[in-house]
N, C-alpha and C. Protein backbone atom coordinates (compact mmCIF):
# COMPACT_ATOMS: atom_id res chain seq x y z
N MET A 1 -63.08 -1.51 -90.63
CA MET A 1 -63.48 -0.73 -91.88
C MET A 1 -63.59 0.77 -91.49
N LYS A 2 -63.15 1.77 -92.24
CA LYS A 2 -63.67 2.98 -91.93
C LYS A 2 -64.48 3.24 -93.27
N ILE A 3 -65.34 4.04 -93.04
CA ILE A 3 -66.58 4.61 -94.13
C ILE A 3 -66.41 6.37 -93.56
N LYS A 4 -66.91 7.00 -94.66
CA LYS A 4 -67.07 8.36 -94.57
C LYS A 4 -68.66 8.51 -94.57
N LEU A 5 -69.32 9.00 -93.18
CA LEU A 5 -70.63 9.35 -93.14
C LEU A 5 -70.59 10.75 -92.70
N ASN A 6 -71.04 11.46 -93.89
CA ASN A 6 -71.35 12.79 -93.68
C ASN A 6 -70.30 13.92 -93.65
N GLY A 7 -69.19 13.37 -94.09
CA GLY A 7 -67.80 13.60 -94.22
C GLY A 7 -66.92 13.20 -92.73
N GLU A 8 -67.52 12.52 -91.94
CA GLU A 8 -66.76 11.99 -90.71
C GLU A 8 -66.53 10.44 -90.66
N ASP A 9 -65.08 10.40 -90.36
CA ASP A 9 -64.75 8.87 -90.26
C ASP A 9 -65.66 8.01 -89.38
N LEU A 10 -66.55 7.02 -89.80
CA LEU A 10 -67.10 5.82 -88.96
C LEU A 10 -66.31 4.27 -89.06
N GLU A 11 -66.04 3.78 -87.87
CA GLU A 11 -65.52 2.65 -87.95
C GLU A 11 -66.79 1.52 -88.00
N LEU A 12 -66.70 0.61 -88.88
CA LEU A 12 -67.64 -0.48 -88.78
C LEU A 12 -66.89 -1.78 -89.07
N GLN A 13 -67.57 -2.93 -88.75
CA GLN A 13 -67.12 -4.12 -89.04
C GLN A 13 -66.74 -4.49 -90.54
N ASP A 14 -65.89 -5.42 -90.79
CA ASP A 14 -65.73 -5.67 -92.04
C ASP A 14 -67.05 -6.43 -92.68
N GLY A 15 -67.48 -6.05 -93.70
CA GLY A 15 -68.55 -6.86 -94.18
C GLY A 15 -69.69 -6.18 -93.79
N ALA A 16 -69.94 -4.87 -93.27
CA ALA A 16 -70.95 -4.02 -92.90
C ALA A 16 -71.96 -3.89 -94.30
N VAL A 17 -73.09 -3.51 -93.71
CA VAL A 17 -74.27 -3.30 -94.68
C VAL A 17 -74.60 -1.96 -94.19
N LEU A 18 -75.45 -1.45 -95.32
CA LEU A 18 -75.81 0.20 -95.00
C LEU A 18 -76.77 0.21 -93.67
N SER A 19 -77.55 -0.65 -93.36
CA SER A 19 -78.36 -0.74 -92.37
C SER A 19 -77.47 -0.83 -90.94
N ASP A 20 -76.32 -1.44 -91.19
CA ASP A 20 -75.49 -1.58 -89.66
C ASP A 20 -75.04 -0.41 -89.09
N ILE A 21 -75.08 1.13 -90.00
CA ILE A 21 -75.32 2.32 -89.58
C ILE A 21 -75.87 2.81 -88.47
N CYS A 22 -77.00 2.65 -88.67
CA CYS A 22 -78.10 2.63 -87.66
C CYS A 22 -78.12 1.70 -86.54
N THR A 23 -77.94 0.72 -86.62
CA THR A 23 -77.23 0.22 -85.40
C THR A 23 -75.85 0.52 -84.71
N LYS A 24 -75.01 0.94 -85.60
CA LYS A 24 -74.06 1.73 -84.75
C LYS A 24 -74.04 2.71 -83.83
N LEU A 25 -75.19 3.35 -84.37
CA LEU A 25 -75.11 4.78 -83.81
C LEU A 25 -76.22 4.96 -83.12
N GLY A 26 -76.91 3.99 -82.82
CA GLY A 26 -78.16 3.46 -81.82
C GLY A 26 -79.10 4.27 -82.43
N ILE A 27 -79.56 4.56 -83.68
CA ILE A 27 -80.69 5.39 -84.07
C ILE A 27 -81.70 4.61 -84.63
N ASP A 28 -83.07 5.18 -84.39
CA ASP A 28 -84.04 4.25 -85.45
C ASP A 28 -84.00 4.80 -86.87
N SER A 29 -84.42 3.67 -87.52
CA SER A 29 -84.19 3.77 -89.12
C SER A 29 -85.27 4.78 -89.63
N LYS A 30 -86.38 5.01 -88.99
CA LYS A 30 -87.62 6.11 -89.26
C LYS A 30 -87.15 7.34 -89.32
N GLY A 31 -87.28 7.74 -90.68
CA GLY A 31 -87.12 9.21 -90.61
C GLY A 31 -85.46 9.52 -91.27
N VAL A 32 -84.87 8.45 -91.75
CA VAL A 32 -83.22 8.66 -92.28
C VAL A 32 -83.55 7.99 -93.74
N ALA A 33 -82.27 8.54 -94.25
CA ALA A 33 -82.29 8.23 -95.84
C ALA A 33 -80.82 8.30 -95.87
N PHE A 34 -80.22 7.42 -96.83
CA PHE A 34 -79.00 7.19 -97.40
C PHE A 34 -78.77 7.28 -98.54
N ALA A 35 -77.54 8.40 -98.75
CA ALA A 35 -77.27 8.28 -100.09
C ALA A 35 -75.70 7.72 -100.35
N ILE A 36 -75.28 6.89 -101.22
CA ILE A 36 -74.12 6.68 -101.51
C ILE A 36 -73.70 7.11 -103.13
N ASP A 37 -72.77 8.11 -103.20
CA ASP A 37 -72.36 8.80 -104.54
C ASP A 37 -73.41 9.24 -104.64
N SER A 38 -74.22 10.12 -104.20
CA SER A 38 -75.45 11.14 -104.78
C SER A 38 -76.54 10.47 -105.12
N GLU A 39 -76.48 8.94 -104.82
CA GLU A 39 -77.62 8.16 -105.04
C GLU A 39 -78.43 7.73 -103.89
N VAL A 40 -79.48 7.88 -103.68
CA VAL A 40 -80.42 7.51 -102.65
C VAL A 40 -80.69 5.94 -102.67
N ILE A 41 -80.64 5.18 -101.66
CA ILE A 41 -80.17 3.96 -101.49
C ILE A 41 -81.70 3.37 -101.30
N PRO A 42 -82.81 2.70 -101.59
CA PRO A 42 -83.97 2.48 -101.21
C PRO A 42 -83.90 1.70 -99.83
N ARG A 43 -84.62 2.15 -98.92
CA ARG A 43 -84.81 1.20 -97.71
C ARG A 43 -84.70 -0.25 -97.70
N ASP A 44 -85.44 -0.64 -98.77
CA ASP A 44 -85.44 -2.50 -98.60
C ASP A 44 -84.37 -2.80 -99.13
N GLU A 45 -83.04 -1.74 -99.49
CA GLU A 45 -82.13 -2.60 -99.95
C GLU A 45 -80.94 -2.08 -98.75
N TRP A 46 -81.16 -1.73 -97.94
CA TRP A 46 -80.36 -1.36 -96.84
C TRP A 46 -79.53 -2.74 -96.32
N ALA A 47 -80.14 -3.66 -96.40
CA ALA A 47 -79.33 -4.99 -95.51
C ALA A 47 -78.62 -5.70 -96.62
N SER A 48 -78.84 -5.15 -98.00
CA SER A 48 -78.12 -6.20 -99.11
C SER A 48 -76.89 -5.12 -99.34
N THR A 49 -76.89 -3.82 -99.07
CA THR A 49 -76.15 -2.82 -99.74
C THR A 49 -74.98 -2.98 -99.16
N LYS A 50 -73.54 -3.75 -99.51
CA LYS A 50 -72.61 -3.98 -98.79
C LYS A 50 -71.72 -2.88 -98.78
N LEU A 51 -70.92 -2.17 -97.82
CA LEU A 51 -70.10 -1.20 -97.61
C LEU A 51 -68.59 -1.80 -97.91
N ALA A 52 -68.04 -0.76 -98.44
CA ALA A 52 -66.35 -1.16 -98.42
C ALA A 52 -65.49 0.10 -97.93
N GLU A 53 -64.42 -0.19 -97.98
CA GLU A 53 -63.26 0.86 -96.84
C GLU A 53 -63.76 2.15 -97.55
N GLY A 54 -63.86 2.93 -96.94
CA GLY A 54 -63.75 4.41 -98.08
C GLY A 54 -64.97 4.77 -98.56
N THR A 55 -65.84 3.79 -98.20
CA THR A 55 -67.43 4.30 -98.99
C THR A 55 -67.95 5.62 -98.37
N ASP A 56 -68.23 6.78 -99.35
CA ASP A 56 -68.84 7.95 -98.91
C ASP A 56 -70.47 7.79 -98.50
N VAL A 57 -71.00 7.89 -97.58
CA VAL A 57 -72.24 7.74 -97.46
C VAL A 57 -72.84 9.05 -96.70
N MET A 58 -74.10 9.46 -97.35
CA MET A 58 -74.67 10.98 -96.70
C MET A 58 -75.57 10.24 -96.03
N MET A 59 -75.99 10.55 -94.91
CA MET A 59 -77.02 10.09 -93.92
C MET A 59 -77.96 11.69 -93.93
N ILE A 60 -79.16 11.45 -93.84
CA ILE A 60 -80.61 12.62 -93.99
C ILE A 60 -81.45 12.28 -93.14
N ARG A 61 -81.38 13.05 -92.01
CA ARG A 61 -82.65 12.54 -91.20
C ARG A 61 -83.88 13.76 -91.13
N ALA A 62 -84.81 13.43 -91.01
CA ALA A 62 -85.94 14.21 -91.29
C ALA A 62 -86.29 15.09 -90.06
N VAL A 63 -86.55 16.17 -89.77
CA VAL A 63 -87.08 16.93 -88.87
C VAL A 63 -88.14 17.55 -88.80
N CYS A 64 -88.99 17.33 -87.80
CA CYS A 64 -90.34 18.08 -87.89
C CYS A 64 -90.08 19.49 -87.51
N GLY A 65 -91.22 20.34 -87.96
CA GLY A 65 -91.06 21.64 -87.70
C GLY A 65 -91.21 22.75 -88.78
N GLY A 66 -91.07 23.86 -88.35
CA GLY A 66 -91.12 24.96 -89.02
C GLY A 66 -90.16 25.96 -89.16
């Protein structure tokens, strides 16, 4: 299935959940936040937030520095 991640297509397996995005991209979940339809999803809900074809997800990564 394809979702939109920050405006780009991302292919995930059917039945994927939000936490699967970090696994797919090989990134650490620390310093990352996700929003679906402009609503931030709490970290403790990532493993239970199922994604559907075409879901629009925004990923925000914290950056240190000034």
